[in-house]
Amino acid sequence: MREWLFLECPECSNRNYRTNRSGIVNTPKVELKKYCRFCRKHTTHKEKKK
């Protein structure tokens, strides 16, 4: 079963992106380099649950 997760900018703490992944336990946290429209630059967004 797939589970939703949100990607949060570490600099401004805004949750800018929503994605999903498989519900397998013990998977590492997702970190993706994405554009933050509030900071106006690319940052490494980290996974945050609801």
N, C-alpha and C. Protein backbone atom coordinates (compact mmCIF):
# COMPACT_ATOMS: atom_id res chain seq x y z
N MET A 1 0.84 -1.18 0.00
CA MET A 1 0.00 0.00 0.00
C MET A 1 0.88 1.25 0.00
N ARG A 2 0.51 2.23 -0.80
CA ARG A 2 1.28 3.46 -0.93
C ARG A 2 0.93 4.41 0.20
N GLU A 3 1.88 5.20 0.64
CA GLU A 3 1.63 6.18 1.68
C GLU A 3 2.08 7.57 1.21
N TRP A 4 1.35 8.59 1.60
CA TRP A 4 1.66 9.96 1.22
C TRP A 4 2.72 10.53 2.15
N LEU A 5 3.59 11.35 1.61
CA LEU A 5 4.54 12.07 2.42
C LEU A 5 4.73 13.46 1.83
N PHE A 6 5.15 14.38 2.67
CA PHE A 6 5.34 15.76 2.26
C PHE A 6 6.81 16.11 2.32
N LEU A 7 7.26 16.94 1.39
CA LEU A 7 8.64 17.39 1.36
C LEU A 7 8.69 18.82 1.89
N GLU A 8 9.53 19.04 2.89
CA GLU A 8 9.60 20.32 3.59
C GLU A 8 10.96 20.97 3.36
N CYS A 9 10.93 22.27 3.10
CA CYS A 9 12.15 23.04 2.93
C CYS A 9 12.79 23.26 4.30
N PRO A 10 14.08 22.96 4.46
CA PRO A 10 14.72 23.13 5.78
C PRO A 10 14.94 24.59 6.16
N GLU A 11 14.97 25.50 5.21
CA GLU A 11 15.26 26.90 5.51
C GLU A 11 14.03 27.68 5.94
N CYS A 12 12.92 27.50 5.24
CA CYS A 12 11.71 28.27 5.57
C CYS A 12 10.61 27.42 6.20
N SER A 13 10.81 26.11 6.28
CA SER A 13 9.88 25.15 6.90
C SER A 13 8.51 25.09 6.23
N ASN A 14 8.43 25.43 4.97
CA ASN A 14 7.19 25.29 4.22
C ASN A 14 7.16 23.93 3.55
N ARG A 15 5.99 23.31 3.56
CA ARG A 15 5.81 22.02 2.89
C ARG A 15 5.35 22.30 1.47
N ASN A 16 6.27 22.16 0.53
CA ASN A 16 6.03 22.59 -0.85
C ASN A 16 5.57 21.48 -1.77
N TYR A 17 5.93 20.25 -1.50
CA TYR A 17 5.65 19.15 -2.42
C TYR A 17 5.02 17.98 -1.67
N ARG A 18 4.17 17.24 -2.38
CA ARG A 18 3.57 16.03 -1.85
C ARG A 18 3.87 14.91 -2.83
N THR A 19 4.28 13.78 -2.31
CA THR A 19 4.60 12.62 -3.15
C THR A 19 4.19 11.36 -2.40
N ASN A 20 4.36 10.22 -3.02
CA ASN A 20 4.04 8.98 -2.33
C ASN A 20 5.15 7.97 -2.54
N ARG A 21 5.13 6.94 -1.71
CA ARG A 21 6.10 5.85 -1.83
C ARG A 21 5.45 4.59 -1.32
N SER A 22 6.11 3.47 -1.55
CA SER A 22 5.55 2.21 -1.09
C SER A 22 5.55 2.18 0.43
N GLY A 23 4.63 1.46 1.01
CA GLY A 23 4.47 1.41 2.46
C GLY A 23 5.40 0.43 3.14
N ILE A 24 6.51 0.11 2.51
CA ILE A 24 7.46 -0.84 3.08
C ILE A 24 8.12 -0.20 4.31
N VAL A 25 8.17 -0.96 5.39
CA VAL A 25 8.79 -0.47 6.62
C VAL A 25 10.31 -0.47 6.47
N ASN A 26 10.99 0.40 7.19
CA ASN A 26 12.45 0.50 7.22
C ASN A 26 13.05 1.07 5.94
N THR A 27 12.34 1.92 5.25
CA THR A 27 12.92 2.60 4.10
C THR A 27 13.53 3.91 4.59
N PRO A 28 14.63 4.34 4.01
CA PRO A 28 15.26 5.59 4.45
C PRO A 28 14.40 6.80 4.11
N LYS A 29 14.58 7.88 4.85
CA LYS A 29 13.81 9.09 4.60
C LYS A 29 14.20 9.70 3.26
N VAL A 30 13.23 10.28 2.58
CA VAL A 30 13.43 10.83 1.25
C VAL A 30 14.03 12.22 1.36
N GLU A 31 15.07 12.50 0.56
CA GLU A 31 15.66 13.83 0.45
C GLU A 31 15.85 14.12 -1.03
N LEU A 32 15.20 15.16 -1.53
CA LEU A 32 15.30 15.54 -2.93
C LEU A 32 15.63 17.01 -3.05
N LYS A 33 16.45 17.35 -4.02
CA LYS A 33 16.78 18.74 -4.27
C LYS A 33 15.68 19.32 -5.16
N LYS A 34 14.88 20.23 -4.58
CA LYS A 34 13.73 20.80 -5.28
C LYS A 34 13.78 22.32 -5.16
N TYR A 35 12.98 22.99 -5.98
CA TYR A 35 12.91 24.44 -5.95
C TYR A 35 11.88 24.90 -4.91
N CYS A 36 12.26 25.83 -4.06
CA CYS A 36 11.35 26.42 -3.08
C CYS A 36 10.95 27.80 -3.58
N ARG A 37 9.68 27.99 -3.82
CA ARG A 37 9.23 29.28 -4.35
C ARG A 37 9.23 30.38 -3.30
N PHE A 38 9.28 30.01 -2.03
CA PHE A 38 9.31 31.01 -0.96
C PHE A 38 10.73 31.52 -0.74
N CYS A 39 11.72 30.63 -0.81
CA CYS A 39 13.13 31.02 -0.68
C CYS A 39 13.71 31.49 -2.02
N ARG A 40 13.05 31.10 -3.10
CA ARG A 40 13.47 31.39 -4.47
C ARG A 40 14.83 30.80 -4.81
N LYS A 41 15.05 29.56 -4.37
CA LYS A 41 16.27 28.84 -4.72
C LYS A 41 16.05 27.35 -4.53
N HIS A 42 17.00 26.57 -5.04
CA HIS A 42 16.95 25.11 -4.89
C HIS A 42 17.52 24.73 -3.54
N THR A 43 16.78 23.92 -2.80
CA THR A 43 17.22 23.42 -1.50
C THR A 43 16.93 21.93 -1.42
N THR A 44 17.56 21.27 -0.47
CA THR A 44 17.33 19.84 -0.26
C THR A 44 16.11 19.67 0.63
N HIS A 45 15.00 19.30 0.03
CA HIS A 45 13.75 19.11 0.77
C HIS A 45 13.77 17.73 1.43
N LYS A 46 13.32 17.68 2.67
CA LYS A 46 13.33 16.45 3.44
C LYS A 46 11.91 15.99 3.73
N GLU A 47 11.78 14.69 3.91
CA GLU A 47 10.47 14.07 4.15
C GLU A 47 9.94 14.43 5.53
N LYS A 48 8.67 14.82 5.57
CA LYS A 48 7.94 15.04 6.81
C LYS A 48 6.59 14.37 6.68
N LYS A 49 6.18 13.68 7.69
CA LYS A 49 4.84 13.07 7.68
C LYS A 49 3.82 14.15 8.01
N LYS A 50 2.54 13.84 7.83
CA LYS A 50 1.50 14.81 8.14
C LYS A 50 1.72 15.32 9.50
